[in-house]
């Protein structure tokens, strides 16, 4: 699914899923560099993010995979 990852003015990361009209803060990050691991959203969704360079600029739309139900 297409997910936009962005950082707000306070520096907190959030994920926006347009097809679900859902925006949630990212509460847990598996990899310190964000990319190539799993993130957990405030609503409990777990998303697998693609591998990307650590210096990738935000906001960016990526193809992420939702894990578990």
PDB file of N, CA and C in Angstrom:
ATOM      1  N   UNK A   1       0.837  -1.171   0.000  1.00  0.00           N
ATOM      2  CA  UNK A   1       0.000   0.000   0.000  1.00  0.00           C
ATOM      3  C   UNK A   1       0.882   1.235   0.000  1.00  0.00           C
ATOM      4  N   UNK A   2       0.392   2.301  -0.600  1.00  0.00           N
ATOM      5  CA  UNK A   2       1.130   3.563  -0.630  1.00  0.00           C
ATOM      6  C   UNK A   2       0.964   4.265   0.710  1.00  0.00           C
ATOM      7  N   UNK A   3       2.093   4.655   1.301  1.00  0.00           N
ATOM      8  CA  UNK A   3       2.098   5.316   2.600  1.00  0.00           C
ATOM      9  C   UNK A   3       3.011   6.539   2.522  1.00  0.00           C
ATOM     10  N   UNK A   4       2.500   7.674   2.976  1.00  0.00           N
ATOM     11  CA  UNK A   4       3.329   8.868   3.040  1.00  0.00           C
ATOM     12  C   UNK A   4       3.905   8.968   4.450  1.00  0.00           C
ATOM     13  N   UNK A   5       5.223   9.046   4.527  1.00  0.00           N
ATOM     14  CA  UNK A   5       5.905   9.222   5.811  1.00  0.00           C
ATOM     15  C   UNK A   5       6.319  10.688   5.880  1.00  0.00           C
ATOM     16  N   UNK A   6       5.988  11.335   6.969  1.00  0.00           N
ATOM     17  CA  UNK A   6       6.373  12.745   7.130  1.00  0.00           C
ATOM     18  C   UNK A   6       6.695  13.042   8.584  1.00  0.00           C
ATOM     19  N   UNK A   7       7.314  14.204   8.765  1.00  0.00           N
ATOM     20  CA  UNK A   7       7.708  14.656  10.092  1.00  0.00           C
ATOM     21  C   UNK A   7       6.968  15.960  10.359  1.00  0.00           C
ATOM     22  N   UNK A   8       6.347  16.095  11.531  1.00  0.00           N
ATOM     23  CA  UNK A   8       5.629  17.331  11.848  1.00  0.00           C
ATOM     24  C   UNK A   8       6.595  18.380  12.409  1.00  0.00           C
ATOM     25  N   UNK A   9       6.071  19.531  12.761  1.00  0.00           N
ATOM     26  CA  UNK A   9       6.896  20.646  13.250  1.00  0.00           C
ATOM     27  C   UNK A   9       7.660  20.280  14.522  1.00  0.00           C
ATOM     28  N   UNK A  10       7.109  19.363  15.323  1.00  0.00           N
ATOM     29  CA  UNK A  10       7.764  18.940  16.562  1.00  0.00           C
ATOM     30  C   UNK A  10       8.808  17.855  16.315  1.00  0.00           C
ATOM     31  N   UNK A  11       8.948  17.410  15.055  1.00  0.00           N
ATOM     32  CA  UNK A  11       9.937  16.393  14.727  1.00  0.00           C
ATOM     33  C   UNK A  11       9.447  14.967  14.892  1.00  0.00           C
ATOM     34  N   UNK A  12       8.135  14.786  15.132  1.00  0.00           N
ATOM     35  CA  UNK A  12       7.568  13.445  15.299  1.00  0.00           C
ATOM     36  C   UNK A  12       7.176  12.885  13.940  1.00  0.00           C
ATOM     37  N   UNK A  13       7.419  11.601  13.743  1.00  0.00           N
ATOM     38  CA  UNK A  13       7.076  10.943  12.487  1.00  0.00           C
ATOM     39  C   UNK A  13       5.628  10.479  12.494  1.00  0.00           C
ATOM     40  N   UNK A  14       4.982  10.565  11.307  1.00  0.00           N
ATOM     41  CA  UNK A  14       3.639  10.029  11.157  1.00  0.00           C
ATOM     42  C   UNK A  14       3.527   9.373   9.793  1.00  0.00           C
ATOM     43  N   UNK A  15       2.511   8.526   9.659  1.00  0.00           N
ATOM     44  CA  UNK A  15       2.249   7.823   8.410  1.00  0.00           C
ATOM     45  C   UNK A  15       0.828   8.140   7.976  1.00  0.00           C
ATOM     46  N   UNK A  16       0.656   8.428   6.675  1.00  0.00           N
ATOM     47  CA  UNK A  16      -0.651   8.711   6.116  1.00  0.00           C
ATOM     48  C   UNK A  16      -0.951   7.700   5.023  1.00  0.00           C
ATOM     49  N   UNK A  17      -2.087   7.013   5.141  1.00  0.00           N
ATOM     50  CA  UNK A  17      -2.529   6.031   4.154  1.00  0.00           C
ATOM     51  C   UNK A  17      -3.758   6.627   3.469  1.00  0.00           C
ATOM     52  N   UNK A  18      -3.586   7.088   2.226  1.00  0.00           N
ATOM     53  CA  UNK A  18      -4.660   7.788   1.520  1.00  0.00           C
ATOM     54  C   UNK A  18      -5.881   6.907   1.285  1.00  0.00           C
ATOM     55  N   UNK A  19      -5.685   5.654   0.885  1.00  0.00           N
ATOM     56  CA  UNK A  19      -6.831   4.777   0.595  1.00  0.00           C
ATOM     57  C   UNK A  19      -7.718   4.556   1.813  1.00  0.00           C
ATOM     58  N   UNK A  20      -7.151   4.651   2.991  1.00  0.00           N
ATOM     59  CA  UNK A  20      -7.913   4.467   4.232  1.00  0.00           C
ATOM     60  C   UNK A  20      -8.242   5.803   4.896  1.00  0.00           C
ATOM     61  N   UNK A  21      -7.752   6.922   4.312  1.00  0.00           N
ATOM     62  CA  UNK A  21      -7.872   8.252   4.907  1.00  0.00           C
ATOM     63  C   UNK A  21      -7.468   8.199   6.383  1.00  0.00           C
ATOM     64  N   UNK A  22      -6.289   7.643   6.604  1.00  0.00           N
ATOM     65  CA  UNK A  22      -5.790   7.373   7.948  1.00  0.00           C
ATOM     66  C   UNK A  22      -4.433   8.044   8.142  1.00  0.00           C
ATOM     67  N   UNK A  23      -4.309   8.836   9.190  1.00  0.00           N
ATOM     68  CA  UNK A  23      -3.011   9.376   9.574  1.00  0.00           C
ATOM     69  C   UNK A  23      -2.793   9.059  11.045  1.00  0.00           C
ATOM     70  N   UNK A  24      -1.661   8.416  11.324  1.00  0.00           N
ATOM     71  CA  UNK A  24      -1.351   7.998  12.688  1.00  0.00           C
ATOM     72  C   UNK A  24       0.122   8.297  12.984  1.00  0.00           C
ATOM     73  N   UNK A  25       0.422   8.676  14.222  1.00  0.00           N
ATOM     74  CA  UNK A  25       1.829   8.831  14.615  1.00  0.00           C
ATOM     75  C   UNK A  25       2.533   7.484  14.598  1.00  0.00           C
ATOM     76  N   UNK A  26       3.813   7.506  14.292  1.00  0.00           N
ATOM     77  CA  UNK A  26       4.643   6.305  14.369  1.00  0.00           C
ATOM     78  C   UNK A  26       5.152   6.226  15.804  1.00  0.00           C
ATOM     79  N   UNK A  27       4.812   5.140  16.489  1.00  0.00           N
ATOM     80  CA  UNK A  27       5.159   5.023  17.905  1.00  0.00           C
ATOM     81  C   UNK A  27       6.404   4.175  18.157  1.00  0.00           C
ATOM     82  N   UNK A  28       6.702   3.231  17.242  1.00  0.00           N
ATOM     83  CA  UNK A  28       7.892   2.383  17.400  1.00  0.00           C
ATOM     84  C   UNK A  28       8.582   2.222  16.056  1.00  0.00           C
ATOM     85  N   UNK A  29       9.913   2.240  16.084  1.00  0.00           N
ATOM     86  CA  UNK A  29      10.715   2.059  14.873  1.00  0.00           C
ATOM     87  C   UNK A  29      11.718   0.946  15.140  1.00  0.00           C
ATOM     88  N   UNK A  30      11.707  -0.082  14.293  1.00  0.00           N
ATOM     89  CA  UNK A  30      12.604  -1.226  14.473  1.00  0.00           C
ATOM     90  C   UNK A  30      14.070  -0.842  14.206  1.00  0.00           C
ATOM     91  N   UNK A  31      14.319  -0.137  13.109  1.00  0.00           N
ATOM     92  CA  UNK A  31      15.684   0.266  12.743  1.00  0.00           C
ATOM     93  C   UNK A  31      15.900   1.734  13.065  1.00  0.00           C
ATOM     94  N   UNK A  32      17.025   2.080  13.661  1.00  0.00           N
ATOM     95  CA  UNK A  32      17.283   3.490  13.993  1.00  0.00           C
ATOM     96  C   UNK A  32      17.225   4.406  12.780  1.00  0.00           C
ATOM     97  N   UNK A  33      17.574   3.884  11.595  1.00  0.00           N
ATOM     98  CA  UNK A  33      17.546   4.690  10.382  1.00  0.00           C
ATOM     99  C   UNK A  33      16.188   4.727   9.718  1.00  0.00           C
ATOM    100  N   UNK A  34      15.172   4.129  10.299  1.00  0.00           N
ATOM    101  CA  UNK A  34      13.787   4.080   9.831  1.00  0.00           C
ATOM    102  C   UNK A  34      13.557   3.096   8.700  1.00  0.00           C
ATOM    103  N   UNK A  35      14.388   3.108   7.680  1.00  0.00           N
ATOM    104  CA  UNK A  35      14.132   2.342   6.458  1.00  0.00           C
ATOM    105  C   UNK A  35      14.575   0.893   6.565  1.00  0.00           C
ATOM    106  N   UNK A  36      13.825   0.023   5.885  1.00  0.00           N
ATOM    107  CA  UNK A  36      14.189  -1.391   5.816  1.00  0.00           C
ATOM    108  C   UNK A  36      13.753  -2.212   7.008  1.00  0.00           C
ATOM    109  N   UNK A  37      12.896  -1.671   7.828  1.00  0.00           N
ATOM    110  CA  UNK A  37      12.413  -2.413   8.992  1.00  0.00           C
ATOM    111  C   UNK A  37      10.937  -2.162   9.211  1.00  0.00           C
ATOM    112  N   UNK A  38      10.472  -2.546  10.372  1.00  0.00           N
ATOM    113  CA  UNK A  38       9.062  -2.368  10.701  1.00  0.00           C
ATOM    114  C   UNK A  38       8.860  -1.140  11.573  1.00  0.00           C
ATOM    115  N   UNK A  39       7.699  -0.524  11.388  1.00  0.00           N
ATOM    116  CA  UNK A  39       7.274   0.566  12.269  1.00  0.00           C
ATOM    117  C   UNK A  39       5.893   0.206  12.791  1.00  0.00           C
ATOM    118  N   UNK A  40       5.573   0.708  13.963  1.00  0.00           N
ATOM    119  CA  UNK A  40       4.257   0.501  14.555  1.00  0.00           C
ATOM    120  C   UNK A  40       3.572   1.850  14.667  1.00  0.00           C
ATOM    121  N   UNK A  41       2.308   1.891  14.233  1.00  0.00           N
ATOM    122  CA  UNK A  41       1.522   3.117  14.319  1.00  0.00           C
ATOM    123  C   UNK A  41       0.732   3.135  15.621  1.00  0.00           C
ATOM    124  N   UNK A  42       0.256   4.300  15.996  1.00  0.00           N
ATOM    125  CA  UNK A  42      -0.489   4.453  17.247  1.00  0.00           C
ATOM    126  C   UNK A  42      -1.738   3.576  17.294  1.00  0.00           C
ATOM    127  N   UNK A  43      -2.322   3.252  16.134  1.00  0.00           N
ATOM    128  CA  UNK A  43      -3.523   2.412  16.114  1.00  0.00           C
ATOM    129  C   UNK A  43      -3.200   0.919  16.152  1.00  0.00           C
ATOM    130  N   UNK A  44      -1.906   0.561  16.238  1.00  0.00           N
ATOM    131  CA  UNK A  44      -1.500  -0.838  16.329  1.00  0.00           C
ATOM    132  C   UNK A  44      -1.053  -1.460  15.016  1.00  0.00           C
ATOM    133  N   UNK A  45      -1.285  -0.790  13.892  1.00  0.00           N
ATOM    134  CA  UNK A  45      -0.830  -1.329  12.611  1.00  0.00           C
ATOM    135  C   UNK A  45       0.682  -1.426  12.602  1.00  0.00           C
ATOM    136  N   UNK A  46       1.197  -2.507  11.995  1.00  0.00           N
ATOM    137  CA  UNK A  46       2.640  -2.674  11.794  1.00  0.00           C
ATOM    138  C   UNK A  46       2.897  -2.644  10.295  1.00  0.00           C
ATOM    139  N   UNK A  47       3.838  -1.813   9.881  1.00  0.00           N
ATOM    140  CA  UNK A  47       4.159  -1.655   8.470  1.00  0.00           C
ATOM    141  C   UNK A  47       5.620  -1.988   8.234  1.00  0.00           C
ATOM    142  N   UNK A  48       5.886  -2.723   7.154  1.00  0.00           N
ATOM    143  CA  UNK A  48       7.259  -3.006   6.732  1.00  0.00           C
ATOM    144  C   UNK A  48       7.624  -1.951   5.688  1.00  0.00           C
ATOM    145  N   UNK A  49       8.651  -1.171   5.987  1.00  0.00           N
ATOM    146  CA  UNK A  49       9.092  -0.117   5.077  1.00  0.00           C
ATOM    147  C   UNK A  49      10.205  -0.636   4.174  1.00  0.00           C
ATOM    148  N   UNK A  50      10.326  -0.069   2.973  1.00  0.00           N
ATOM    149  CA  UNK A  50      11.372  -0.520   2.048  1.00  0.00           C
ATOM    150  C   UNK A  50      12.753  -0.023   2.468  1.00  0.00           C
ATOM    151  N   UNK A  51      13.786  -0.653   1.919  1.00  0.00           N
ATOM    152  CA  UNK A  51      15.162  -0.197   2.126  1.00  0.00           C
ATOM    153  C   UNK A  51      15.357   1.110   1.371  1.00  0.00           C
ATOM    154  N   UNK A  52      15.898   2.107   2.047  1.00  0.00           N
ATOM    155  CA  UNK A  52      16.203   3.392   1.432  1.00  0.00           C
ATOM    156  C   UNK A  52      17.405   3.980   2.168  1.00  0.00           C
ATOM    157  N   UNK A  53      18.109   4.926   1.546  1.00  0.00           N
ATOM    158  CA  UNK A  53      19.226   5.564   2.253  1.00  0.00           C
ATOM    159  C   UNK A  53      18.727   6.298   3.505  1.00  0.00           C
ATOM    160  N   UNK A  54      19.557   6.318   4.539  1.00  0.00           N
ATOM    161  CA  UNK A  54      19.167   6.973   5.795  1.00  0.00           C
ATOM    162  C   UNK A  54      18.916   8.466   5.628  1.00  0.00           C
ATOM    163  N   UNK A  55      19.556   9.081   4.638  1.00  0.00           N
ATOM    164  CA  UNK A  55      19.399  10.521   4.450  1.00  0.00           C
ATOM    165  C   UNK A  55      18.242  10.879   3.503  1.00  0.00           C
ATOM    166  N   UNK A  56      17.316   9.937   3.278  1.00  0.00           N
ATOM    167  CA  UNK A  56      16.149  10.194   2.437  1.00  0.00           C
ATOM    168  C   UNK A  56      15.338  11.331   3.037  1.00  0.00           C
ATOM    169  N   UNK A  57      14.983  12.292   2.193  1.00  0.00           N
ATOM    170  CA  UNK A  57      14.246  13.469   2.670  1.00  0.00           C
ATOM    171  C   UNK A  57      12.763  13.161   2.822  1.00  0.00           C
ATOM    172  N   UNK A  58      12.182  13.746   3.843  1.00  0.00           N
ATOM    173  CA  UNK A  58      10.752  13.604   4.111  1.00  0.00           C
ATOM    174  C   UNK A  58      10.049  14.902   3.771  1.00  0.00           C
ATOM    175  N   UNK A  59       8.799  14.907   3.374  1.00  0.00           N
ATOM    176  CA  UNK A  59       7.896  13.766   3.258  1.00  0.00           C
ATOM    177  C   UNK A  59       8.183  12.958   1.997  1.00  0.00           C
ATOM    178  N   UNK A  60       7.836  11.676   2.046  1.00  0.00           N
ATOM    179  CA  UNK A  60       8.015  10.784   0.912  1.00  0.00           C
ATOM    180  C   UNK A  60       6.911   9.732   0.922  1.00  0.00           C
ATOM    181  N   UNK A  61       6.456   9.354  -0.268  1.00  0.00           N
ATOM    182  CA  UNK A  61       5.472   8.281  -0.397  1.00  0.00           C
ATOM    183  C   UNK A  61       6.202   7.022  -0.820  1.00  0.00           C
ATOM    184  N   UNK A  62       5.969   5.937  -0.071  1.00  0.00           N
ATOM    185  CA  UNK A  62       6.639   4.667  -0.339  1.00  0.00           C
ATOM    186  C   UNK A  62       5.603   3.554  -0.423  1.00  0.00           C
ATOM    187  N   UNK A  63       6.032   2.437  -0.966  1.00  0.00           N
ATOM    188  CA  UNK A  63       5.195   1.238  -0.995  1.00  0.00           C
ATOM    189  C   UNK A  63       5.544   0.418   0.248  1.00  0.00           C
ATOM    190  N   UNK A  64       4.635   0.377   1.213  1.00  0.00           N
ATOM    191  CA  UNK A  64       4.848  -0.345   2.463  1.00  0.00           C
ATOM    192  C   UNK A  64       3.906  -1.548   2.501  1.00  0.00           C
ATOM    193  N   UNK A  65       4.245  -2.507   3.337  1.00  0.00           N
ATOM    194  CA  UNK A  65       3.427  -3.704   3.478  1.00  0.00           C
ATOM    195  C   UNK A  65       2.890  -3.770   4.906  1.00  0.00           C
ATOM    196  N   UNK A  66       1.591  -3.964   5.041  1.00  0.00           N
ATOM    197  CA  UNK A  66       0.984  -4.086   6.365  1.00  0.00           C
ATOM    198  C   UNK A  66       1.166  -5.519   6.841  1.00  0.00           C
ATOM    199  N   UNK A  67       1.623  -5.673   8.083  1.00  0.00           N
ATOM    200  CA  UNK A  67       1.880  -6.988   8.657  1.00  0.00           C
ATOM    201  C   UNK A  67       0.852  -7.308   9.724  1.00  0.00           C
ATOM    202  N   UNK A  68       0.409  -8.555   9.751  1.00  0.00           N
ATOM    203  CA  UNK A  68      -0.518  -8.999  10.789  1.00  0.00           C
ATOM    204  C   UNK A  68      -1.877  -8.332  10.697  1.00  0.00           C
ATOM    205  N   UNK A  69      -2.826  -8.928  11.319  1.00  0.00           N
ATOM    206  CA  UNK A  69      -4.191  -8.374  11.301  1.00  0.00           C
ATOM    207  C   UNK A  69      -4.665  -8.133  12.695  1.00  0.00           C
TER     208      UNK A  69
END
